[in-house]
Amino acid sequence: MDEQNLIDMANRIGEFFDSMPDREEALAGIADHIRRFWEPRMRRSLLATLDRPDAGGLQMSAIVKEAVLANREKLTPAAAVAE
């Protein structure tokens, strides 16, 4: 999955919510949007990018990074159930 494309998409979401006067509401809105509308592998890839020490070249906005880190548990997809 193209990590920079995911970050660009997340940054566009962040731009929308960044204009909200209530910062906590904005952070929750970003995380909720990503949780509801991104498929699990997209969320896994975004979270994995944050964990990589070499991801410094990828430009995630401050509000998106804060929202993702603060809501990491909610954004982490449940493990697939093996049948």
PDB file of N, CA and C in Angstrom:
ATOM      1  N   MET A   1       0.856  -1.172   0.000  1.00  0.00           N
ATOM      2  CA  MET A   1       0.000   0.000   0.000  1.00  0.00           C
ATOM      3  C   MET A   1       0.902   1.234   0.000  1.00  0.00           C
ATOM      4  N   ASP A   2       0.562   2.218  -0.778  1.00  0.00           N
ATOM      5  CA  ASP A   2       1.348   3.438  -0.891  1.00  0.00           C
ATOM      6  C   ASP A   2       1.168   4.285   0.358  1.00  0.00           C
ATOM      7  N   GLU A   3       2.177   4.273   1.219  1.00  0.00           N
ATOM      8  CA  GLU A   3       2.086   4.963   2.502  1.00  0.00           C
ATOM      9  C   GLU A   3       1.925   6.470   2.337  1.00  0.00           C
ATOM     10  N   GLN A   4       2.636   7.051   1.383  1.00  0.00           N
ATOM     11  CA  GLN A   4       2.516   8.502   1.196  1.00  0.00           C
ATOM     12  C   GLN A   4       1.107   8.869   0.759  1.00  0.00           C
ATOM     13  N   ASN A   5       0.473   8.047  -0.060  1.00  0.00           N
ATOM     14  CA  ASN A   5      -0.898   8.315  -0.473  1.00  0.00           C
ATOM     15  C   ASN A   5      -1.839   8.268   0.730  1.00  0.00           C
ATOM     16  N   LEU A   6      -1.651   7.287   1.616  1.00  0.00           N
ATOM     17  CA  LEU A   6      -2.479   7.210   2.820  1.00  0.00           C
ATOM     18  C   LEU A   6      -2.289   8.447   3.691  1.00  0.00           C
ATOM     19  N   ILE A   7      -1.051   8.873   3.831  1.00  0.00           N
ATOM     20  CA  ILE A   7      -0.771  10.056   4.638  1.00  0.00           C
ATOM     21  C   ILE A   7      -1.384  11.295   3.994  1.00  0.00           C
ATOM     22  N   ASP A   8      -1.302  11.396   2.685  1.00  0.00           N
ATOM     23  CA  ASP A   8      -1.925  12.530   1.984  1.00  0.00           C
ATOM     24  C   ASP A   8      -3.435  12.543   2.221  1.00  0.00           C
ATOM     25  N   MET A   9      -4.062  11.374   2.156  1.00  0.00           N
ATOM     26  CA  MET A   9      -5.507  11.280   2.410  1.00  0.00           C
ATOM     27  C   MET A   9      -5.821  11.681   3.849  1.00  0.00           C
ATOM     28  N   ALA A  10      -5.035  11.171   4.797  1.00  0.00           N
ATOM     29  CA  ALA A  10      -5.246  11.514   6.204  1.00  0.00           C
ATOM     30  C   ALA A  10      -5.048  13.011   6.430  1.00  0.00           C
ATOM     31  N   ASN A  11      -4.062  13.599   5.764  1.00  0.00           N
ATOM     32  CA  ASN A  11      -3.825  15.039   5.901  1.00  0.00           C
ATOM     33  C   ASN A  11      -5.002  15.854   5.381  1.00  0.00           C
ATOM     34  N   ARG A  12      -5.634  15.397   4.309  1.00  0.00           N
ATOM     35  CA  ARG A  12      -6.812  16.106   3.789  1.00  0.00           C
ATOM     36  C   ARG A  12      -7.962  16.039   4.789  1.00  0.00           C
ATOM     37  N   ILE A  13      -8.115  14.895   5.449  1.00  0.00           N
ATOM     38  CA  ILE A  13      -9.127  14.760   6.501  1.00  0.00           C
ATOM     39  C   ILE A  13      -8.784  15.732   7.632  1.00  0.00           C
ATOM     40  N   GLY A  14      -7.508  15.766   7.995  1.00  0.00           N
ATOM     41  CA  GLY A  14      -7.061  16.656   9.060  1.00  0.00           C
ATOM     42  C   GLY A  14      -7.302  18.122   8.734  1.00  0.00           C
ATOM     43  N   GLU A  15      -7.102  18.516   7.490  1.00  0.00           N
ATOM     44  CA  GLU A  15      -7.337  19.904   7.079  1.00  0.00           C
ATOM     45  C   GLU A  15      -8.789  20.302   7.325  1.00  0.00           C
ATOM     46  N   PHE A  16      -9.698  19.394   7.039  1.00  0.00           N
ATOM     47  CA  PHE A  16     -11.122  19.668   7.250  1.00  0.00           C
ATOM     48  C   PHE A  16     -11.399  19.893   8.731  1.00  0.00           C
ATOM     49  N   PHE A  17     -10.931  18.978   9.570  1.00  0.00           N
ATOM     50  CA  PHE A  17     -11.239  19.052  10.993  1.00  0.00           C
ATOM     51  C   PHE A  17     -10.406  20.102  11.731  1.00  0.00           C
ATOM     52  N   ASP A  18      -9.291  20.519  11.172  1.00  0.00           N
ATOM     53  CA  ASP A  18      -8.410  21.487  11.837  1.00  0.00           C
ATOM     54  C   ASP A  18      -9.085  22.840  12.033  1.00  0.00           C
ATOM     55  N   SER A  19     -10.092  23.140  11.244  1.00  0.00           N
ATOM     56  CA  SER A  19     -10.773  24.429  11.364  1.00  0.00           C
ATOM     57  C   SER A  19     -11.772  24.461  12.524  1.00  0.00           C
ATOM     58  N   MET A  20     -12.005  23.328  13.156  1.00  0.00           N
ATOM     59  CA  MET A  20     -12.959  23.284  14.268  1.00  0.00           C
ATOM     60  C   MET A  20     -12.373  24.010  15.478  1.00  0.00           C
ATOM     61  N   PRO A  21     -13.197  24.777  16.187  1.00  0.00           N
ATOM     62  CA  PRO A  21     -12.684  25.516  17.345  1.00  0.00           C
ATOM     63  C   PRO A  21     -12.321  24.611  18.533  1.00  0.00           C
ATOM     64  N   ASP A  22     -12.967  23.475  18.648  1.00  0.00           N
ATOM     65  CA  ASP A  22     -12.696  22.552  19.758  1.00  0.00           C
ATOM     66  C   ASP A  22     -11.684  21.507  19.295  1.00  0.00           C
ATOM     67  N   ARG A  23     -10.461  21.608  19.796  1.00  0.00           N
ATOM     68  CA  ARG A  23      -9.366  20.715  19.365  1.00  0.00           C
ATOM     69  C   ARG A  23      -9.687  19.253  19.651  1.00  0.00           C
ATOM     70  N   GLU A  24     -10.231  18.963  20.823  1.00  0.00           N
ATOM     71  CA  GLU A  24     -10.542  17.571  21.173  1.00  0.00           C
ATOM     72  C   GLU A  24     -11.604  16.989  20.234  1.00  0.00           C
ATOM     73  N   GLU A  25     -12.575  17.794  19.892  1.00  0.00           N
ATOM     74  CA  GLU A  25     -13.604  17.359  18.950  1.00  0.00           C
ATOM     75  C   GLU A  25     -12.993  17.101  17.572  1.00  0.00           C
ATOM     76  N   ALA A  26     -12.052  17.945  17.177  1.00  0.00           N
ATOM     77  CA  ALA A  26     -11.378  17.768  15.893  1.00  0.00           C
ATOM     78  C   ALA A  26     -10.570  16.473  15.877  1.00  0.00           C
ATOM     79  N   LEU A  27      -9.822  16.210  16.942  1.00  0.00           N
ATOM     80  CA  LEU A  27      -9.027  14.982  17.019  1.00  0.00           C
ATOM     81  C   LEU A  27      -9.928  13.753  16.967  1.00  0.00           C
ATOM     82  N   ALA A  28     -11.025  13.804  17.706  1.00  0.00           N
ATOM     83  CA  ALA A  28     -11.967  12.681  17.706  1.00  0.00           C
ATOM     84  C   ALA A  28     -12.595  12.509  16.320  1.00  0.00           C
ATOM     85  N   GLY A  29     -12.885  13.612  15.647  1.00  0.00           N
ATOM     86  CA  GLY A  29     -13.483  13.551  14.315  1.00  0.00           C
ATOM     87  C   GLY A  29     -12.554  12.919  13.293  1.00  0.00           C
ATOM     88  N   ILE A  30     -11.287  13.267  13.359  1.00  0.00           N
ATOM     89  CA  ILE A  30     -10.302  12.673  12.448  1.00  0.00           C
ATOM     90  C   ILE A  30     -10.233  11.168  12.668  1.00  0.00           C
ATOM     91  N   ALA A  31     -10.074  10.773  13.923  1.00  0.00           N
ATOM     92  CA  ALA A  31      -9.960   9.347  14.236  1.00  0.00           C
ATOM     93  C   ALA A  31     -11.231   8.594  13.851  1.00  0.00           C
ATOM     94  N   ASP A  32     -12.374   9.199  14.130  1.00  0.00           N
ATOM     95  CA  ASP A  32     -13.644   8.535  13.806  1.00  0.00           C
ATOM     96  C   ASP A  32     -13.805   8.363  12.302  1.00  0.00           C
ATOM     97  N   HIS A  33     -13.438   9.378  11.551  1.00  0.00           N
ATOM     98  CA  HIS A  33     -13.546   9.274  10.095  1.00  0.00           C
ATOM     99  C   HIS A  33     -12.657   8.140   9.570  1.00  0.00           C
ATOM    100  N   ILE A  34     -11.421   8.089  10.038  1.00  0.00           N
ATOM    101  CA  ILE A  34     -10.507   7.044   9.588  1.00  0.00           C
ATOM    102  C   ILE A  34     -11.020   5.668  10.006  1.00  0.00           C
ATOM    103  N   ARG A  35     -11.523   5.562  11.221  1.00  0.00           N
ATOM    104  CA  ARG A  35     -12.028   4.264  11.712  1.00  0.00           C
ATOM    105  C   ARG A  35     -13.241   3.795  10.903  1.00  0.00           C
ATOM    106  N   ARG A  36     -14.131   4.720  10.593  1.00  0.00           N
ATOM    107  CA  ARG A  36     -15.370   4.334   9.920  1.00  0.00           C
ATOM    108  C   ARG A  36     -15.222   4.101   8.418  1.00  0.00           C
ATOM    109  N   PHE A  37     -14.338   4.856   7.767  1.00  0.00           N
ATOM    110  CA  PHE A  37     -14.311   4.831   6.309  1.00  0.00           C
ATOM    111  C   PHE A  37     -13.068   4.189   5.692  1.00  0.00           C
ATOM    112  N   TRP A  38     -12.061   3.905   6.488  1.00  0.00           N
ATOM    113  CA  TRP A  38     -10.870   3.249   5.956  1.00  0.00           C
ATOM    114  C   TRP A  38     -10.950   1.761   6.265  1.00  0.00           C
ATOM    115  N   GLU A  39     -10.609   0.959   5.282  1.00  0.00           N
ATOM    116  CA  GLU A  39     -10.612  -0.482   5.520  1.00  0.00           C
ATOM    117  C   GLU A  39      -9.456  -0.855   6.458  1.00  0.00           C
ATOM    118  N   PRO A  40      -9.552  -2.009   7.118  1.00  0.00           N
ATOM    119  CA  PRO A  40      -8.547  -2.394   8.119  1.00  0.00           C
ATOM    120  C   PRO A  40      -7.102  -2.364   7.623  1.00  0.00           C
ATOM    121  N   ARG A  41      -6.846  -2.812   6.407  1.00  0.00           N
ATOM    122  CA  ARG A  41      -5.447  -2.823   5.961  1.00  0.00           C
ATOM    123  C   ARG A  41      -4.903  -1.416   5.757  1.00  0.00           C
ATOM    124  N   MET A  42      -5.760  -0.460   5.428  1.00  0.00           N
ATOM    125  CA  MET A  42      -5.322   0.933   5.313  1.00  0.00           C
ATOM    126  C   MET A  42      -4.937   1.467   6.696  1.00  0.00           C
ATOM    127  N   ARG A  43      -5.765   1.159   7.692  1.00  0.00           N
ATOM    128  CA  ARG A  43      -5.461   1.617   9.055  1.00  0.00           C
ATOM    129  C   ARG A  43      -4.203   0.940   9.585  1.00  0.00           C
ATOM    130  N   ARG A  44      -4.049  -0.347   9.325  1.00  0.00           N
ATOM    131  CA  ARG A  44      -2.827  -1.050   9.753  1.00  0.00           C
ATOM    132  C   ARG A  44      -1.588  -0.411   9.138  1.00  0.00           C
ATOM    133  N   SER A  45      -1.648  -0.103   7.874  1.00  0.00           N
ATOM    134  CA  SER A  45      -0.516   0.498   7.178  1.00  0.00           C
ATOM    135  C   SER A  45      -0.194   1.882   7.747  1.00  0.00           C
ATOM    136  N   LEU A  46      -1.210   2.685   8.010  1.00  0.00           N
ATOM    137  CA  LEU A  46      -0.994   4.007   8.584  1.00  0.00           C
ATOM    138  C   LEU A  46      -0.341   3.899   9.962  1.00  0.00           C
ATOM    139  N   LEU A  47      -0.834   3.001  10.789  1.00  0.00           N
ATOM    140  CA  LEU A  47      -0.263   2.814  12.126  1.00  0.00           C
ATOM    141  C   LEU A  47       1.164   2.281  12.047  1.00  0.00           C
ATOM    142  N   ALA A  48       1.411   1.367  11.136  1.00  0.00           N
ATOM    143  CA  ALA A  48       2.755   0.808  10.982  1.00  0.00           C
ATOM    144  C   ALA A  48       3.737   1.886  10.532  1.00  0.00           C
ATOM    145  N   THR A  49       3.278   2.804   9.708  1.00  0.00           N
ATOM    146  CA  THR A  49       4.137   3.897   9.246  1.00  0.00           C
ATOM    147  C   THR A  49       4.589   4.757  10.424  1.00  0.00           C
ATOM    148  N   LEU A  50       3.696   5.003  11.356  1.00  0.00           N
ATOM    149  CA  LEU A  50       4.053   5.800  12.528  1.00  0.00           C
ATOM    150  C   LEU A  50       5.106   5.105  13.386  1.00  0.00           C
ATOM    151  N   ASP A  51       5.109   3.784  13.366  1.00  0.00           N
ATOM    152  CA  ASP A  51       6.033   3.007  14.200  1.00  0.00           C
ATOM    153  C   ASP A  51       7.418   2.881  13.593  1.00  0.00           C
ATOM    154  N   ARG A  52       7.546   3.170  12.306  1.00  0.00           N
ATOM    155  CA  ARG A  52       8.846   3.000  11.637  1.00  0.00           C
ATOM    156  C   ARG A  52       9.751   4.195  11.893  1.00  0.00           C
ATOM    157  N   PRO A  53      10.963   3.948  12.338  1.00  0.00           N
ATOM    158  CA  PRO A  53      11.883   5.065  12.576  1.00  0.00           C
ATOM    159  C   PRO A  53      12.313   5.771  11.286  1.00  0.00           C
ATOM    160  N   ASP A  54      12.225   5.096  10.147  1.00  0.00           N
ATOM    161  CA  ASP A  54      12.644   5.694   8.882  1.00  0.00           C
ATOM    162  C   ASP A  54      11.503   6.424   8.171  1.00  0.00           C
ATOM    163  N   ALA A  55      10.381   6.625   8.854  1.00  0.00           N
ATOM    164  CA  ALA A  55       9.221   7.268   8.234  1.00  0.00           C
ATOM    165  C   ALA A  55       9.287   8.785   8.327  1.00  0.00           C
ATOM    166  N   GLY A  56      10.421   9.322   8.748  1.00  0.00           N
ATOM    167  CA  GLY A  56      10.556  10.762   8.913  1.00  0.00           C
ATOM    168  C   GLY A  56      10.350  11.553   7.635  1.00  0.00           C
ATOM    169  N   GLY A  57      10.570  10.945   6.487  1.00  0.00           N
ATOM    170  CA  GLY A  57      10.398  11.634   5.223  1.00  0.00           C
ATOM    171  C   GLY A  57       8.946  11.774   4.806  1.00  0.00           C
ATOM    172  N   LEU A  58       8.068  11.034   5.441  1.00  0.00           N
ATOM    173  CA  LEU A  58       6.650  11.104   5.133  1.00  0.00           C
ATOM    174  C   LEU A  58       6.033  12.238   5.950  1.00  0.00           C
ATOM    175  N   GLN A  59       5.324  13.118   5.308  1.00  0.00           N
ATOM    176  CA  GLN A  59       4.862  14.354   5.939  1.00  0.00           C
ATOM    177  C   GLN A  59       3.432  14.263   6.451  1.00  0.00           C
ATOM    178  N   MET A  60       3.257  13.697   7.644  1.00  0.00           N
ATOM    179  CA  MET A  60       1.938  13.652   8.262  1.00  0.00           C
ATOM    180  C   MET A  60       1.747  14.934   9.064  1.00  0.00           C
ATOM    181  N   SER A  61       0.595  15.567   8.910  1.00  0.00           N
ATOM    182  CA  SER A  61       0.351  16.812   9.634  1.00  0.00           C
ATOM    183  C   SER A  61       0.295  16.541  11.136  1.00  0.00           C
ATOM    184  N   ALA A  62       0.583  17.572  11.901  1.00  0.00           N
ATOM    185  CA  ALA A  62       0.636  17.439  13.359  1.00  0.00           C
ATOM    186  C   ALA A  62      -0.705  17.012  13.942  1.00  0.00           C
ATOM    187  N   ILE A  63      -1.806  17.576  13.434  1.00  0.00           N
ATOM    188  CA  ILE A  63      -3.116  17.239  13.991  1.00  0.00           C
ATOM    189  C   ILE A  63      -3.487  15.787  13.687  1.00  0.00           C
ATOM    190  N   VAL A  64      -3.130  15.305  12.508  1.00  0.00           N
ATOM    191  CA  VAL A  64      -3.427  13.917  12.154  1.00  0.00           C
ATOM    192  C   VAL A  64      -2.596  12.972  13.015  1.00  0.00           C
ATOM    193  N   LYS A  65      -1.324  13.283  13.158  1.00  0.00           N
ATOM    194  CA  LYS A  65      -0.461  12.437  13.981  1.00  0.00           C
ATOM    195  C   LYS A  65      -0.978  12.391  15.415  1.00  0.00           C
ATOM    196  N   GLU A  66      -1.348  13.529  15.949  1.00  0.00           N
ATOM    197  CA  GLU A  66      -1.882  13.583  17.313  1.00  0.00           C
ATOM    198  C   GLU A  66      -3.164  12.765  17.429  1.00  0.00           C
ATOM    199  N   ALA A  67      -4.055  12.901  16.456  1.00  0.00           N
ATOM    200  CA  ALA A  67      -5.325  12.167  16.484  1.00  0.00           C
ATOM    201  C   ALA A  67      -5.103  10.658  16.401  1.00  0.00           C
ATOM    202  N   VAL A  68      -4.212  10.244  15.523  1.00  0.00           N
ATOM    203  CA  VAL A  68      -3.963   8.809  15.338  1.00  0.00           C
ATOM    204  C   VAL A  68      -3.304   8.220  16.591  1.00  0.00           C
ATOM    205  N   LEU A  69      -2.314   8.915  17.125  1.00  0.00           N
ATOM    206  CA  LEU A  69      -1.637   8.410  18.319  1.00  0.00           C
ATOM    207  C   LEU A  69      -2.573   8.375  19.526  1.00  0.00           C
ATOM    208  N   ALA A  70      -3.410   9.393  19.680  1.00  0.00           N
ATOM    209  CA  ALA A  70      -4.328   9.452  20.819  1.00  0.00           C
ATOM    210  C   ALA A  70      -5.439   8.407  20.725  1.00  0.00           C
ATOM    211  N   ASN A  71      -5.742   7.980  19.508  1.00  0.00           N
ATOM    212  CA  ASN A  71      -6.852   7.031  19.299  1.00  0.00           C
ATOM    213  C   ASN A  71      -6.380   5.721  18.702  1.00  0.00           C
ATOM    214  N   ARG A  72      -5.141   5.397  18.925  1.00  0.00           N
ATOM    215  CA  ARG A  72      -4.528   4.209  18.332  1.00  0.00           C
ATOM    216  C   ARG A  72      -5.342   2.931  18.592  1.00  0.00           C
ATOM    217  N   GLU A  73      -5.787   2.766  19.810  1.00  0.00           N
ATOM    218  CA  GLU A  73      -6.527   1.544  20.157  1.00  0.00           C
ATOM    219  C   GLU A  73      -7.816   1.428  19.335  1.00  0.00           C
ATOM    220  N   LYS A  74      -8.522   2.528  19.188  1.00  0.00           N
ATOM    221  CA  LYS A  74      -9.769   2.530  18.407  1.00  0.00           C
ATOM    222  C   LYS A  74      -9.508   2.288  16.922  1.00  0.00           C
ATOM    223  N   LEU A  75      -8.348   2.727  16.443  1.00  0.00           N
ATOM    224  CA  LEU A  75      -8.029   2.606  15.022  1.00  0.00           C
ATOM    225  C   LEU A  75      -7.423   1.266  14.644  1.00  0.00           C
ATOM    226  N   THR A  76      -6.942   0.518  15.645  1.00  0.00           N
ATOM    227  CA  THR A  76      -6.322  -0.775  15.378  1.00  0.00           C
ATOM    228  C   THR A  76      -7.419  -1.783  15.055  1.00  0.00           C
ATOM    229  N   PRO A  77      -7.375  -2.363  13.865  1.00  0.00           N
ATOM    230  CA  PRO A  77      -8.408  -3.339  13.487  1.00  0.00           C
ATOM    231  C   PRO A  77      -8.309  -4.592  14.360  1.00  0.00           C
ATOM    232  N   ALA A  78      -9.458  -5.176  14.591  1.00  0.00           N
ATOM    233  CA  ALA A  78      -9.486  -6.445  15.335  1.00  0.00           C
ATOM    234  C   ALA A  78      -8.783  -7.504  14.514  1.00  0.00           C
ATOM    235  N   ALA A  79      -8.166  -8.439  15.190  1.00  0.00           N
ATOM    236  CA  ALA A  79      -7.468  -9.526  14.492  1.00  0.00           C
ATOM    237  C   ALA A  79      -8.497 -10.348  13.721  1.00  0.00           C
ATOM    238  N   ALA A  80      -8.100 -10.753  12.550  1.00  0.00           N
ATOM    239  CA  ALA A  80      -8.983 -11.590  11.724  1.00  0.00           C
ATOM    240  C   ALA A  80      -9.177 -12.933  12.402  1.00  0.00           C
ATOM    241  N   VAL A  81     -10.396 -13.413  12.365  1.00  0.00           N
ATOM    242  CA  VAL A  81     -10.707 -14.698  12.976  1.00  0.00           C
ATOM    243  C   VAL A  81     -10.464 -15.796  11.953  1.00  0.00           C
ATOM    244  N   ALA A  82      -9.609 -16.733  12.308  1.00  0.00           N
ATOM    245  CA  ALA A  82      -9.321 -17.852  11.405  1.00  0.00           C
ATOM    246  C   ALA A  82     -10.420 -18.892  11.530  1.00  0.00           C
ATOM    247  N   GLU A  83     -10.893 -19.367  10.414  1.00  0.00           N
ATOM    248  CA  GLU A  83     -11.943 -20.388  10.440  1.00  0.00           C
ATOM    249  C   GLU A  83     -11.408 -21.721  10.038  1.00  0.00           C
TER     250      GLU A  83
END
